[in-house]
Amino acid sequence: MSGKVKITKPGTVEKLFAPAHPRDHEKAQINIRGAEPLYQEIRIENTLTDQDGNEVKLKQGAEVEVHVEADKSATIPR
């Protein structure tokens, strides 16, 4: 088996959290629509790279897509 399997879920940046220490990065809390209620929110470093290689960050309220991807060998038939 080869290749990748994936799923994409829509989400919204709900909150931004200032870093606890100046050398740390801001965090973005993302609400993933379609996830179970207790697991809808994830927090990530709010550091992304645009197509030109510039560092950018998400705005509160931004609509995003959350992608989960795995090797096909890491899955089993349903």
N, C-alpha and C. Protein backbone atom coordinates (compact mmCIF):
# COMPACT_ATOMS: atom_id res chain seq x y z
N MET A 1 0.84 -1.18 0.00
CA MET A 1 0.00 0.00 0.00
C MET A 1 0.88 1.24 0.00
N SER A 2 0.48 2.22 -0.78
CA SER A 2 1.22 3.48 -0.80
C SER A 2 0.25 4.62 -0.93
N GLY A 3 0.74 5.82 -0.77
CA GLY A 3 -0.10 6.98 -0.88
C GLY A 3 -0.52 7.51 0.49
N LYS A 4 -1.31 8.55 0.44
CA LYS A 4 -1.78 9.22 1.65
C LYS A 4 -3.30 9.22 1.69
N VAL A 5 -3.84 9.20 2.89
CA VAL A 5 -5.27 9.38 3.10
C VAL A 5 -5.42 10.65 3.93
N LYS A 6 -6.52 11.39 3.71
CA LYS A 6 -6.65 12.65 4.43
C LYS A 6 -8.10 13.04 4.61
N ILE A 7 -8.30 13.98 5.54
CA ILE A 7 -9.60 14.58 5.77
C ILE A 7 -9.34 16.07 6.06
N THR A 8 -10.27 16.90 5.67
CA THR A 8 -10.18 18.34 5.92
C THR A 8 -11.44 18.79 6.62
N LYS A 9 -11.27 19.55 7.71
CA LYS A 9 -12.41 20.07 8.48
C LYS A 9 -12.30 21.59 8.54
N PRO A 10 -13.43 22.30 8.45
CA PRO A 10 -13.39 23.75 8.59
C PRO A 10 -13.25 24.15 10.06
N GLY A 11 -12.67 25.30 10.28
CA GLY A 11 -12.51 25.80 11.64
C GLY A 11 -12.48 27.31 11.66
N THR A 12 -12.52 27.85 12.87
CA THR A 12 -12.47 29.29 13.09
C THR A 12 -11.50 29.60 14.22
N VAL A 13 -10.66 30.62 14.04
CA VAL A 13 -9.76 31.06 15.10
C VAL A 13 -10.62 31.79 16.13
N GLU A 14 -10.78 31.16 17.29
CA GLU A 14 -11.64 31.72 18.35
C GLU A 14 -10.92 32.74 19.21
N LYS A 15 -9.70 32.41 19.63
CA LYS A 15 -8.97 33.25 20.58
C LYS A 15 -7.49 33.26 20.23
N LEU A 16 -6.84 34.33 20.63
CA LEU A 16 -5.39 34.44 20.52
C LEU A 16 -4.84 34.62 21.93
N PHE A 17 -3.76 33.92 22.25
CA PHE A 17 -3.17 33.97 23.58
C PHE A 17 -1.75 34.52 23.49
N ALA A 18 -1.51 35.58 24.25
CA ALA A 18 -0.17 36.16 24.29
C ALA A 18 0.80 35.14 24.89
N PRO A 19 2.06 35.19 24.48
CA PRO A 19 3.02 34.24 25.04
C PRO A 19 3.26 34.48 26.53
N ALA A 20 3.49 33.41 27.25
CA ALA A 20 3.77 33.51 28.68
C ALA A 20 5.16 34.11 28.92
N HIS A 21 6.04 33.89 27.97
CA HIS A 21 7.41 34.41 28.05
C HIS A 21 7.72 35.11 26.73
N PRO A 22 8.45 36.22 26.75
CA PRO A 22 8.72 36.98 25.52
C PRO A 22 9.35 36.19 24.38
N ARG A 23 10.12 35.15 24.68
CA ARG A 23 10.75 34.37 23.60
C ARG A 23 9.79 33.34 22.99
N ASP A 24 8.65 33.09 23.64
CA ASP A 24 7.67 32.14 23.12
C ASP A 24 6.79 32.79 22.07
N HIS A 25 6.04 31.96 21.33
CA HIS A 25 5.14 32.45 20.30
C HIS A 25 3.71 32.58 20.83
N GLU A 26 2.96 33.47 20.23
CA GLU A 26 1.53 33.58 20.51
C GLU A 26 0.85 32.26 20.12
N LYS A 27 -0.23 31.92 20.79
CA LYS A 27 -1.01 30.71 20.47
C LYS A 27 -2.34 31.12 19.87
N ALA A 28 -2.83 30.31 18.95
CA ALA A 28 -4.15 30.51 18.35
C ALA A 28 -5.01 29.31 18.73
N GLN A 29 -6.21 29.58 19.25
CA GLN A 29 -7.16 28.52 19.56
C GLN A 29 -8.13 28.41 18.40
N ILE A 30 -8.22 27.21 17.83
CA ILE A 30 -9.05 26.95 16.66
C ILE A 30 -10.18 26.02 17.05
N ASN A 31 -11.42 26.41 16.71
CA ASN A 31 -12.60 25.57 16.91
C ASN A 31 -12.84 24.81 15.61
N ILE A 32 -12.81 23.48 15.69
CA ILE A 32 -12.98 22.64 14.50
C ILE A 32 -14.44 22.20 14.41
N ARG A 33 -15.12 22.66 13.37
CA ARG A 33 -16.52 22.27 13.18
C ARG A 33 -16.61 20.81 12.76
N GLY A 34 -17.55 20.10 13.36
CA GLY A 34 -17.73 18.70 13.04
C GLY A 34 -16.98 17.75 13.97
N ALA A 35 -16.19 18.30 14.89
CA ALA A 35 -15.48 17.46 15.86
C ALA A 35 -16.39 17.24 17.07
N GLU A 36 -16.08 16.22 17.87
CA GLU A 36 -16.85 15.97 19.08
C GLU A 36 -16.71 17.16 20.03
N PRO A 37 -17.76 17.50 20.77
CA PRO A 37 -17.76 18.69 21.61
C PRO A 37 -16.55 18.85 22.53
N LEU A 38 -16.10 17.78 23.17
CA LEU A 38 -14.96 17.90 24.08
C LEU A 38 -13.62 18.08 23.36
N TYR A 39 -13.62 17.85 22.05
CA TYR A 39 -12.36 17.87 21.29
C TYR A 39 -12.38 18.86 20.14
N GLN A 40 -13.27 19.83 20.18
CA GLN A 40 -13.41 20.79 19.09
C GLN A 40 -12.29 21.81 19.04
N GLU A 41 -11.63 22.06 20.17
CA GLU A 41 -10.66 23.14 20.22
C GLU A 41 -9.24 22.61 20.28
N ILE A 42 -8.40 23.20 19.43
CA ILE A 42 -6.96 22.90 19.48
C ILE A 42 -6.23 24.23 19.60
N ARG A 43 -5.03 24.19 20.15
CA ARG A 43 -4.18 25.38 20.22
C ARG A 43 -2.87 25.08 19.52
N ILE A 44 -2.48 26.01 18.68
CA ILE A 44 -1.25 25.87 17.92
C ILE A 44 -0.45 27.16 18.05
N GLU A 45 0.87 27.08 17.76
CA GLU A 45 1.66 28.30 17.66
C GLU A 45 1.08 29.11 16.52
N ASN A 46 0.91 30.39 16.74
CA ASN A 46 0.34 31.26 15.71
C ASN A 46 1.46 31.79 14.83
N THR A 47 2.15 30.86 14.17
CA THR A 47 3.25 31.18 13.27
C THR A 47 3.07 30.37 12.00
N LEU A 48 2.80 31.05 10.90
CA LEU A 48 2.63 30.41 9.61
C LEU A 48 3.60 31.05 8.62
N THR A 49 3.76 30.42 7.48
CA THR A 49 4.63 30.95 6.43
C THR A 49 3.81 31.11 5.16
N ASP A 50 3.89 32.30 4.54
CA ASP A 50 3.15 32.52 3.30
C ASP A 50 3.93 31.96 2.11
N GLN A 51 3.37 32.10 0.91
CA GLN A 51 3.98 31.52 -0.29
C GLN A 51 5.34 32.14 -0.63
N ASP A 52 5.63 33.32 -0.09
CA ASP A 52 6.91 33.98 -0.34
C ASP A 52 7.94 33.70 0.75
N GLY A 53 7.57 32.87 1.75
CA GLY A 53 8.48 32.53 2.83
C GLY A 53 8.46 33.51 3.99
N ASN A 54 7.52 34.45 3.97
CA ASN A 54 7.40 35.42 5.06
C ASN A 54 6.59 34.84 6.21
N GLU A 55 7.01 35.16 7.45
CA GLU A 55 6.28 34.71 8.62
C GLU A 55 5.03 35.57 8.80
N VAL A 56 3.88 34.92 8.99
CA VAL A 56 2.61 35.61 9.20
C VAL A 56 1.89 34.94 10.36
N LYS A 57 0.79 35.56 10.83
CA LYS A 57 0.00 34.94 11.89
C LYS A 57 -1.48 35.12 11.60
N LEU A 58 -2.28 34.25 12.20
CA LEU A 58 -3.73 34.27 12.01
C LEU A 58 -4.37 35.39 12.81
N LYS A 59 -5.49 35.90 12.30
CA LYS A 59 -6.29 36.90 13.01
C LYS A 59 -7.42 36.19 13.73
N GLN A 60 -7.86 36.77 14.83
CA GLN A 60 -9.04 36.24 15.53
C GLN A 60 -10.23 36.31 14.58
N GLY A 61 -11.03 35.24 14.52
CA GLY A 61 -12.19 35.18 13.64
C GLY A 61 -11.88 34.62 12.26
N ALA A 62 -10.61 34.38 11.96
CA ALA A 62 -10.23 33.86 10.64
C ALA A 62 -10.82 32.47 10.42
N GLU A 63 -11.30 32.23 9.20
CA GLU A 63 -11.77 30.91 8.81
C GLU A 63 -10.55 30.12 8.31
N VAL A 64 -10.39 28.90 8.81
CA VAL A 64 -9.24 28.07 8.45
C VAL A 64 -9.70 26.67 8.08
N GLU A 65 -8.80 25.88 7.53
CA GLU A 65 -9.04 24.46 7.26
C GLU A 65 -8.01 23.66 8.04
N VAL A 66 -8.46 22.62 8.71
CA VAL A 66 -7.57 21.74 9.47
C VAL A 66 -7.46 20.44 8.68
N HIS A 67 -6.22 20.09 8.32
CA HIS A 67 -5.98 18.89 7.52
C HIS A 67 -5.33 17.81 8.39
N VAL A 68 -5.83 16.60 8.27
CA VAL A 68 -5.21 15.44 8.91
C VAL A 68 -4.83 14.49 7.79
N GLU A 69 -3.57 14.08 7.77
CA GLU A 69 -3.07 13.24 6.68
C GLU A 69 -2.23 12.12 7.27
N ALA A 70 -2.37 10.93 6.71
CA ALA A 70 -1.59 9.78 7.18
C ALA A 70 -1.21 8.91 5.99
N ASP A 71 -0.14 8.15 6.17
CA ASP A 71 0.21 7.16 5.16
C ASP A 71 -0.90 6.12 5.10
N LYS A 72 -1.22 5.66 3.92
CA LYS A 72 -2.27 4.66 3.77
C LYS A 72 -1.95 3.40 4.59
N SER A 73 -0.67 3.10 4.76
CA SER A 73 -0.26 1.93 5.54
C SER A 73 -0.58 2.07 7.02
N ALA A 74 -0.90 3.29 7.46
CA ALA A 74 -1.22 3.53 8.87
C ALA A 74 -2.72 3.44 9.12
N THR A 75 -3.48 2.96 8.15
CA THR A 75 -4.95 2.88 8.29
C THR A 75 -5.42 1.45 8.06
N ILE A 76 -6.67 1.20 8.48
CA ILE A 76 -7.30 -0.10 8.22
C ILE A 76 -8.65 0.16 7.59
N PRO A 77 -9.19 -0.79 6.83
CA PRO A 77 -10.52 -0.62 6.22
C PRO A 77 -11.59 -0.43 7.29
N ARG A 78 -12.58 0.31 6.96
CA ARG A 78 -13.67 0.57 7.89
C ARG A 78 -14.67 -0.54 7.92
